[in-house]
Amino acid sequence: MTEPPLPKTTGSEYADHILAITRRAAELDEADRRRRDAPPPPTATRAPVFLAVLVLFSVVVVWNVRAWSPEPEPLPRPIQETALEISLLMATQMVEQYRQETGRLPTTLEEAGVPEEAFTYRLQGDTYELFASEGGVTVRYDSVDGAEALLERLGAMTEPGR
């Protein structure tokens, strides 16, 4: 197979094509140079806008979280008293266990392993008093009365109709 012969071009047509190609290359070079020499787009204007949106978002989130989690209402007084008496009962068990193991009452509640910040302890010779307070409610235990008195008070509070 033979290819069809190419049309013959004259020298002037050839020169016109070369000139057009050269001009196009110059145009592309000029466009590339302008792009490289152009100042970069402003980025500093994005930071303040981003910061403002972030602050606004944070304020809305914090405000909504507070709205979602309101302050809990205080427990009714009888429930507070019962909870304090239960914690007193547990603390007295720890004090009495210490007395059985060592033969004496602890000088401080910490010796018996009871957290001191939750209770007030008064040692009076061979007896003691223990107080628990929370939210304006205070409950007292006296070792002279014994744990039975505390259990009776707990029973009276938990019985319906009392």
Protein backbone atom coordinates (compact mmCIF):
# COMPACT_ATOMS: atom_id res chain seq x y z
CA MET A 1 0.00 0.00 0.00
CA THR A 2 1.17 3.31 -0.88
CA GLU A 3 0.18 6.47 0.83
CA PRO A 4 -1.33 9.32 -1.03
CA PRO A 5 1.20 11.96 -1.79
CA LEU A 6 1.26 14.96 0.54
CA PRO A 7 0.24 18.23 -0.95
CA LYS A 8 3.18 20.29 -1.87
CA THR A 9 3.61 23.41 0.13
CA THR A 10 5.46 26.41 -0.89
CA GLY A 11 8.18 27.95 1.20
CA SER A 12 6.03 30.87 2.15
CA GLU A 13 3.24 28.60 3.50
CA TYR A 14 5.81 26.66 5.48
CA ALA A 15 7.19 29.88 6.93
CA ASP A 16 3.65 31.02 7.85
CA HIS A 17 3.08 27.75 9.80
CA ILE A 18 6.39 28.08 11.65
CA LEU A 19 5.59 31.72 12.45
CA ALA A 20 2.11 30.74 13.82
CA ILE A 21 3.64 27.98 15.96
CA THR A 22 6.29 30.35 17.29
CA ARG A 23 3.68 33.02 18.11
CA ARG A 24 1.52 30.45 19.93
CA ALA A 25 4.54 29.26 21.93
CA ALA A 26 5.35 32.87 22.84
CA GLU A 27 1.75 33.45 23.95
CA LEU A 28 1.86 30.34 26.14
CA ASP A 29 5.22 31.40 27.62
CA GLU A 30 3.84 34.86 28.36
CA ALA A 31 0.73 33.42 30.04
CA ASP A 32 2.90 31.09 32.13
CA ARG A 33 5.18 34.00 33.15
CA ARG A 34 2.18 36.13 34.18
CA ARG A 35 0.79 33.25 36.24
CA ARG A 36 4.12 32.77 38.04
CA ASP A 37 4.60 36.51 38.68
CA ALA A 38 1.05 37.11 39.88
CA PRO A 39 0.71 37.65 43.65
CA PRO A 40 -0.68 34.67 45.56
CA PRO A 41 -4.38 34.79 46.42
CA PRO A 42 -5.05 36.38 49.80
CA THR A 43 -5.12 33.72 52.51
CA ALA A 44 -5.13 36.04 55.52
CA THR A 45 -8.80 36.83 55.01
CA ARG A 46 -9.72 33.20 55.61
CA ALA A 47 -8.19 32.99 59.11
CA PRO A 48 -10.37 35.67 60.76
CA VAL A 49 -13.50 34.24 59.16
CA PHE A 50 -12.56 30.73 60.26
CA LEU A 51 -11.77 31.98 63.78
CA ALA A 52 -15.10 33.83 64.02
CA VAL A 53 -17.02 30.73 62.90
CA LEU A 54 -15.09 28.56 65.37
CA VAL A 55 -15.81 30.92 68.28
CA LEU A 56 -19.49 31.11 67.36
CA PHE A 57 -19.70 27.33 67.08
CA SER A 58 -18.01 26.90 70.49
CA VAL A 59 -20.38 29.34 72.17
CA VAL A 60 -23.42 27.58 70.72
CA VAL A 61 -22.15 24.15 71.78
CA VAL A 62 -21.33 25.25 75.34
CA TRP A 63 -24.66 27.04 75.69
CA ASN A 64 -26.57 23.99 74.44
CA VAL A 65 -24.66 21.57 76.69
CA ARG A 66 -25.68 23.65 79.70
CA ALA A 67 -29.28 23.59 78.51
CA TRP A 68 -29.16 19.80 78.07
CA SER A 69 -27.80 19.14 81.56
CA PRO A 70 -29.70 21.27 84.07
CA GLU A 71 -28.73 21.24 87.72
CA PRO A 72 -30.26 18.21 89.42
CA GLU A 73 -32.93 18.89 91.99
CA PRO A 74 -31.91 18.10 95.57
CA LEU A 75 -33.16 14.83 96.98
CA PRO A 76 -36.10 14.99 99.40
CA ARG A 77 -35.00 15.26 103.04
CA PRO A 78 -36.12 11.72 104.07
CA ILE A 79 -34.07 10.20 101.24
CA GLN A 80 -31.04 12.30 102.21
CA GLU A 81 -31.39 11.19 105.83
CA THR A 82 -31.67 7.53 104.81
CA ALA A 83 -28.61 7.76 102.56
CA LEU A 84 -26.61 9.45 105.34
CA GLU A 85 -27.69 6.83 107.88
CA ILE A 86 -26.64 4.02 105.53
CA SER A 87 -23.23 5.64 105.10
CA LEU A 88 -23.02 6.09 108.93
CA LEU A 89 -23.83 2.41 109.37
CA MET A 90 -21.01 1.43 107.01
CA ALA A 91 -18.57 3.79 108.75
CA THR A 92 -19.50 2.47 112.20
CA GLN A 93 -18.89 -1.09 110.98
CA MET A 94 -15.37 -0.08 109.94
CA VAL A 95 -14.74 1.63 113.32
CA GLU A 96 -16.06 -1.39 115.24
CA GLN A 97 -13.96 -3.77 113.14
CA TYR A 98 -10.91 -1.64 113.98
CA ARG A 99 -11.83 -1.83 117.69
CA GLN A 100 -12.11 -5.65 117.50
CA GLU A 101 -8.77 -5.99 115.70
CA THR A 102 -6.76 -3.57 117.87
CA GLY A 103 -8.66 -3.55 121.15
CA ARG A 104 -9.13 0.23 121.07
CA LEU A 105 -11.06 2.88 119.17
CA PRO A 106 -9.21 4.70 116.38
CA THR A 107 -7.86 8.16 117.19
CA THR A 108 -8.94 9.33 113.75
CA LEU A 109 -11.30 7.89 111.19
CA GLU A 110 -8.40 7.52 108.78
CA GLU A 111 -6.91 4.89 111.07
CA ALA A 112 -10.04 2.79 110.55
CA GLY A 113 -10.01 3.41 106.79
CA VAL A 114 -13.00 5.77 106.82
CA PRO A 115 -12.73 8.91 104.66
CA GLU A 116 -12.50 11.79 107.14
CA GLU A 117 -13.91 14.41 104.76
CA ALA A 118 -17.29 12.62 104.72
CA PHE A 119 -17.78 12.39 108.50
CA THR A 120 -17.16 14.15 111.81
CA TYR A 121 -15.75 11.88 114.54
CA ARG A 122 -15.74 12.64 118.27
CA LEU A 123 -13.86 10.20 120.49
CA GLN A 124 -15.01 10.30 124.15
CA GLY A 125 -13.07 7.73 126.16
CA ASP A 126 -14.49 4.33 125.26
CA THR A 127 -17.40 5.73 123.22
CA TYR A 128 -17.68 7.87 120.12
CA GLU A 129 -20.08 9.92 118.08
CA LEU A 130 -20.16 10.01 114.33
CA PHE A 131 -21.88 12.69 112.23
CA ALA A 132 -22.61 12.77 108.51
CA SER A 133 -23.80 15.92 106.75
CA GLU A 134 -24.92 16.62 103.22
CA GLY A 135 -26.97 19.44 101.72
CA GLY A 136 -28.03 20.89 105.08
CA VAL A 137 -29.06 17.50 106.52
CA THR A 138 -27.05 16.09 109.44
CA VAL A 139 -27.40 12.61 110.94
CA ARG A 140 -25.80 11.51 114.24
CA TYR A 141 -24.67 8.11 115.52
CA ASP A 142 -23.77 7.53 119.16
CA SER A 143 -21.93 4.33 120.03
CA VAL A 144 -23.72 4.27 123.40
CA ASP A 145 -27.01 3.67 121.56
CA GLY A 146 -25.37 1.09 119.29
CA ALA A 147 -26.01 0.12 115.70
CA GLU A 148 -29.45 -1.27 116.66
CA ALA A 149 -30.80 2.26 117.19
CA LEU A 150 -29.51 3.28 113.77
CA LEU A 151 -31.07 0.19 112.18
CA GLU A 152 -34.40 0.89 113.89
CA ARG A 153 -34.37 4.45 112.52
CA LEU A 154 -33.62 3.08 109.07
CA GLY A 155 -36.47 0.57 109.39
CA ALA A 156 -38.89 3.26 110.48
CA MET A 157 -37.94 5.42 107.49
CA THR A 158 -38.30 2.65 104.96
CA GLU A 159 -41.63 1.31 106.22
CA PRO A 160 -44.56 2.54 104.13
CA GLY A 161 -46.89 5.01 105.80
CA ARG A 162 -44.31 6.48 108.20
